[in-house]
């Protein structure tokens, strides 16, 4: 998949320097950054989405006691 990304000039310069100093391509480092960072981004943005849904009444919550009881873990 081909995707284009617009970077701030200072970020692009840093990426250029890194690629030149290491002999790797800018694309290599961009892929690395995405692969290493996507899990963190998913955690943050998907959690925010669930919170919005809870506040809007589109998602329900359960107490810990209720979950333990339903799973047969209650004392």
N, C-alpha and C. Protein backbone atom coordinates (compact mmCIF):
# COMPACT_ATOMS: atom_id res chain seq x y z
N UNK A 1 0.85 -1.17 0.00
CA UNK A 1 0.00 0.00 0.00
C UNK A 1 0.90 1.24 0.00
N UNK A 2 0.60 2.14 -0.85
CA UNK A 2 1.35 3.38 -0.91
C UNK A 2 0.56 4.46 -0.18
N UNK A 3 1.24 5.15 0.72
CA UNK A 3 0.63 6.22 1.50
C UNK A 3 1.60 7.38 1.55
N UNK A 4 1.06 8.57 1.46
CA UNK A 4 1.95 9.74 1.59
C UNK A 4 1.67 10.43 2.91
N UNK A 5 2.73 10.99 3.48
CA UNK A 5 2.64 11.66 4.77
C UNK A 5 3.38 12.98 4.65
N UNK A 6 2.76 14.02 5.12
CA UNK A 6 3.40 15.33 5.13
C UNK A 6 4.04 15.55 6.50
N UNK A 7 5.33 15.76 6.51
CA UNK A 7 6.06 15.95 7.76
C UNK A 7 6.47 17.41 7.92
N UNK A 8 6.57 17.82 9.16
CA UNK A 8 7.12 19.15 9.43
C UNK A 8 8.58 19.15 8.95
N UNK A 9 9.06 20.27 8.43
CA UNK A 9 10.43 20.32 7.89
C UNK A 9 11.49 19.84 8.87
N UNK A 10 11.37 20.20 10.15
CA UNK A 10 12.39 19.78 11.11
C UNK A 10 12.39 18.27 11.33
N UNK A 11 11.22 17.66 11.28
CA UNK A 11 11.13 16.20 11.42
C UNK A 11 11.72 15.53 10.19
N UNK A 12 11.42 16.06 9.04
CA UNK A 12 11.98 15.48 7.81
C UNK A 12 13.51 15.59 7.80
N UNK A 13 14.02 16.71 8.28
CA UNK A 13 15.48 16.87 8.35
C UNK A 13 16.10 15.85 9.31
N UNK A 14 15.48 15.62 10.43
CA UNK A 14 15.98 14.62 11.37
C UNK A 14 15.96 13.23 10.75
N UNK A 15 14.89 12.93 10.04
CA UNK A 15 14.77 11.64 9.36
C UNK A 15 15.84 11.51 8.29
N UNK A 16 16.07 12.57 7.53
CA UNK A 16 17.13 12.57 6.50
C UNK A 16 18.49 12.29 7.13
N UNK A 17 18.79 12.97 8.24
CA UNK A 17 20.08 12.78 8.91
C UNK A 17 20.24 11.35 9.43
N UNK A 18 19.19 10.82 10.01
CA UNK A 18 19.22 9.46 10.53
C UNK A 18 19.47 8.47 9.40
N UNK A 19 18.74 8.62 8.31
CA UNK A 19 18.89 7.71 7.17
C UNK A 19 20.30 7.81 6.58
N UNK A 20 20.81 9.02 6.43
CA UNK A 20 22.14 9.21 5.87
C UNK A 20 23.22 8.63 6.78
N UNK A 21 23.06 8.82 8.07
CA UNK A 21 24.07 8.36 9.02
C UNK A 21 24.11 6.84 9.14
N UNK A 22 23.01 6.18 8.89
CA UNK A 22 22.93 4.74 9.10
C UNK A 22 22.91 3.93 7.82
N UNK A 23 22.72 4.61 6.70
CA UNK A 23 22.67 3.90 5.42
C UNK A 23 21.35 3.19 5.17
N UNK A 24 20.37 3.48 5.95
CA UNK A 24 19.03 2.91 5.74
C UNK A 24 18.15 3.95 5.06
N UNK A 25 17.03 3.51 4.53
CA UNK A 25 16.13 4.43 3.85
C UNK A 25 15.21 5.12 4.85
N UNK A 26 14.68 6.25 4.44
CA UNK A 26 13.68 6.92 5.28
C UNK A 26 12.45 6.03 5.42
N UNK A 27 12.10 5.32 4.36
CA UNK A 27 10.94 4.43 4.40
C UNK A 27 11.12 3.36 5.47
N UNK A 28 12.33 2.86 5.62
CA UNK A 28 12.61 1.86 6.65
C UNK A 28 12.25 2.42 8.03
N UNK A 29 12.73 3.62 8.32
CA UNK A 29 12.47 4.20 9.64
C UNK A 29 11.00 4.56 9.83
N UNK A 30 10.35 5.01 8.80
CA UNK A 30 8.92 5.30 8.92
C UNK A 30 8.13 4.03 9.22
N UNK A 31 8.46 2.94 8.53
CA UNK A 31 7.79 1.66 8.81
C UNK A 31 8.05 1.23 10.25
N UNK A 32 9.30 1.34 10.70
CA UNK A 32 9.64 0.97 12.07
C UNK A 32 8.83 1.79 13.08
N UNK A 33 8.76 3.08 12.87
CA UNK A 33 8.03 3.94 13.79
C UNK A 33 6.56 3.56 13.84
N UNK A 34 5.99 3.28 12.70
CA UNK A 34 4.57 2.90 12.66
C UNK A 34 4.36 1.56 13.34
N UNK A 35 5.19 0.58 13.01
CA UNK A 35 5.02 -0.74 13.60
C UNK A 35 5.22 -0.73 15.11
N UNK A 36 6.17 0.05 15.58
CA UNK A 36 6.43 0.10 17.03
C UNK A 36 5.41 0.97 17.77
N UNK A 37 4.83 1.92 17.09
CA UNK A 37 3.93 2.85 17.75
C UNK A 37 2.46 2.56 17.62
N UNK A 38 2.07 1.68 16.70
CA UNK A 38 0.64 1.50 16.44
C UNK A 38 -0.08 0.89 17.64
N UNK A 39 0.57 0.01 18.37
CA UNK A 39 -0.08 -0.60 19.53
C UNK A 39 -0.41 0.46 20.59
N UNK A 40 0.53 1.35 20.83
CA UNK A 40 0.29 2.43 21.79
C UNK A 40 -0.84 3.34 21.30
N UNK A 41 -0.85 3.63 20.02
CA UNK A 41 -1.90 4.49 19.46
C UNK A 41 -3.26 3.81 19.57
N UNK A 42 -3.30 2.51 19.29
CA UNK A 42 -4.56 1.77 19.44
C UNK A 42 -5.04 1.83 20.89
N UNK A 43 -4.13 1.60 21.82
CA UNK A 43 -4.51 1.64 23.24
C UNK A 43 -5.14 2.98 23.60
N UNK A 44 -4.50 4.05 23.20
CA UNK A 44 -4.98 5.39 23.57
C UNK A 44 -6.29 5.73 22.87
N UNK A 45 -6.32 5.63 21.56
CA UNK A 45 -7.48 6.10 20.82
C UNK A 45 -8.69 5.17 20.95
N UNK A 46 -8.47 3.87 21.05
CA UNK A 46 -9.60 2.97 21.25
C UNK A 46 -10.17 3.12 22.66
N UNK A 47 -9.32 3.36 23.64
CA UNK A 47 -9.80 3.61 25.00
C UNK A 47 -10.62 4.91 25.04
N UNK A 48 -10.16 5.93 24.35
CA UNK A 48 -10.91 7.19 24.29
C UNK A 48 -12.27 6.97 23.64
N UNK A 49 -12.31 6.13 22.60
CA UNK A 49 -13.57 5.84 21.91
C UNK A 49 -14.54 5.13 22.85
N UNK A 50 -14.05 4.15 23.61
CA UNK A 50 -14.91 3.44 24.56
C UNK A 50 -15.43 4.41 25.63
N UNK A 51 -14.56 5.28 26.13
CA UNK A 51 -14.98 6.26 27.12
C UNK A 51 -16.08 7.16 26.57
N UNK A 52 -15.92 7.62 25.34
CA UNK A 52 -16.97 8.44 24.70
C UNK A 52 -18.27 7.66 24.61
N UNK A 53 -18.17 6.38 24.22
CA UNK A 53 -19.37 5.55 24.10
C UNK A 53 -20.05 5.32 25.45
N UNK A 54 -19.26 5.13 26.50
CA UNK A 54 -19.83 4.96 27.84
C UNK A 54 -20.56 6.23 28.25
N UNK A 55 -19.90 7.36 28.07
CA UNK A 55 -20.51 8.65 28.46
C UNK A 55 -21.77 8.96 27.65
N UNK A 56 -21.82 8.48 26.39
CA UNK A 56 -22.98 8.74 25.54
C UNK A 56 -24.06 7.68 25.71
N UNK A 57 -23.81 6.67 26.54
CA UNK A 57 -24.81 5.63 26.77
C UNK A 57 -24.83 4.55 25.71
N UNK A 58 -23.83 4.50 24.84
CA UNK A 58 -23.77 3.47 23.79
C UNK A 58 -23.03 2.23 24.25
N UNK A 59 -22.39 2.32 25.39
CA UNK A 59 -21.61 1.21 25.95
C UNK A 59 -21.96 1.11 27.43
N UNK A 60 -22.11 -0.12 27.91
CA UNK A 60 -22.44 -0.30 29.31
C UNK A 60 -21.19 -0.73 30.09
N UNK A 61 -21.25 -0.55 31.38
CA UNK A 61 -20.15 -0.98 32.24
C UNK A 61 -20.70 -1.91 33.31
N UNK A 62 -19.80 -2.65 33.92
CA UNK A 62 -20.16 -3.55 35.00
C UNK A 62 -19.18 -3.34 36.14
N UNK A 63 -19.65 -3.52 37.35
CA UNK A 63 -18.76 -3.41 38.51
C UNK A 63 -17.88 -4.65 38.57
N UNK A 64 -16.76 -4.54 39.28
CA UNK A 64 -15.88 -5.69 39.47
C UNK A 64 -16.62 -6.81 40.18
N UNK A 65 -17.43 -6.46 41.16
CA UNK A 65 -18.20 -7.49 41.89
C UNK A 65 -19.11 -8.25 40.94
N UNK A 66 -19.78 -7.53 40.04
CA UNK A 66 -20.68 -8.15 39.07
C UNK A 66 -19.92 -9.09 38.14
N UNK A 67 -18.78 -8.65 37.66
CA UNK A 67 -17.98 -9.48 36.75
C UNK A 67 -17.49 -10.73 37.47
N UNK A 68 -17.00 -10.58 38.70
CA UNK A 68 -16.55 -11.74 39.46
C UNK A 68 -17.68 -12.72 39.68
N UNK A 69 -18.86 -12.22 40.01
CA UNK A 69 -20.02 -13.09 40.22
C UNK A 69 -20.38 -13.82 38.94
N UNK A 70 -20.45 -13.10 37.83
CA UNK A 70 -20.81 -13.71 36.55
C UNK A 70 -19.80 -14.78 36.11
N UNK A 71 -18.55 -14.59 36.48
CA UNK A 71 -17.50 -15.55 36.10
C UNK A 71 -17.27 -16.62 37.15
N UNK A 72 -18.05 -16.57 38.22
CA UNK A 72 -17.90 -17.56 39.27
C UNK A 72 -16.65 -17.37 40.09
N UNK A 73 -16.17 -16.15 40.19
CA UNK A 73 -14.94 -15.87 40.92
C UNK A 73 -15.20 -15.19 42.26
N UNK A 74 -16.46 -14.93 42.54
CA UNK A 74 -16.80 -14.23 43.79
C UNK A 74 -16.58 -15.15 44.97
N UNK A 75 -16.18 -14.56 46.09
CA UNK A 75 -15.97 -15.35 47.31
C UNK A 75 -17.27 -15.75 47.94
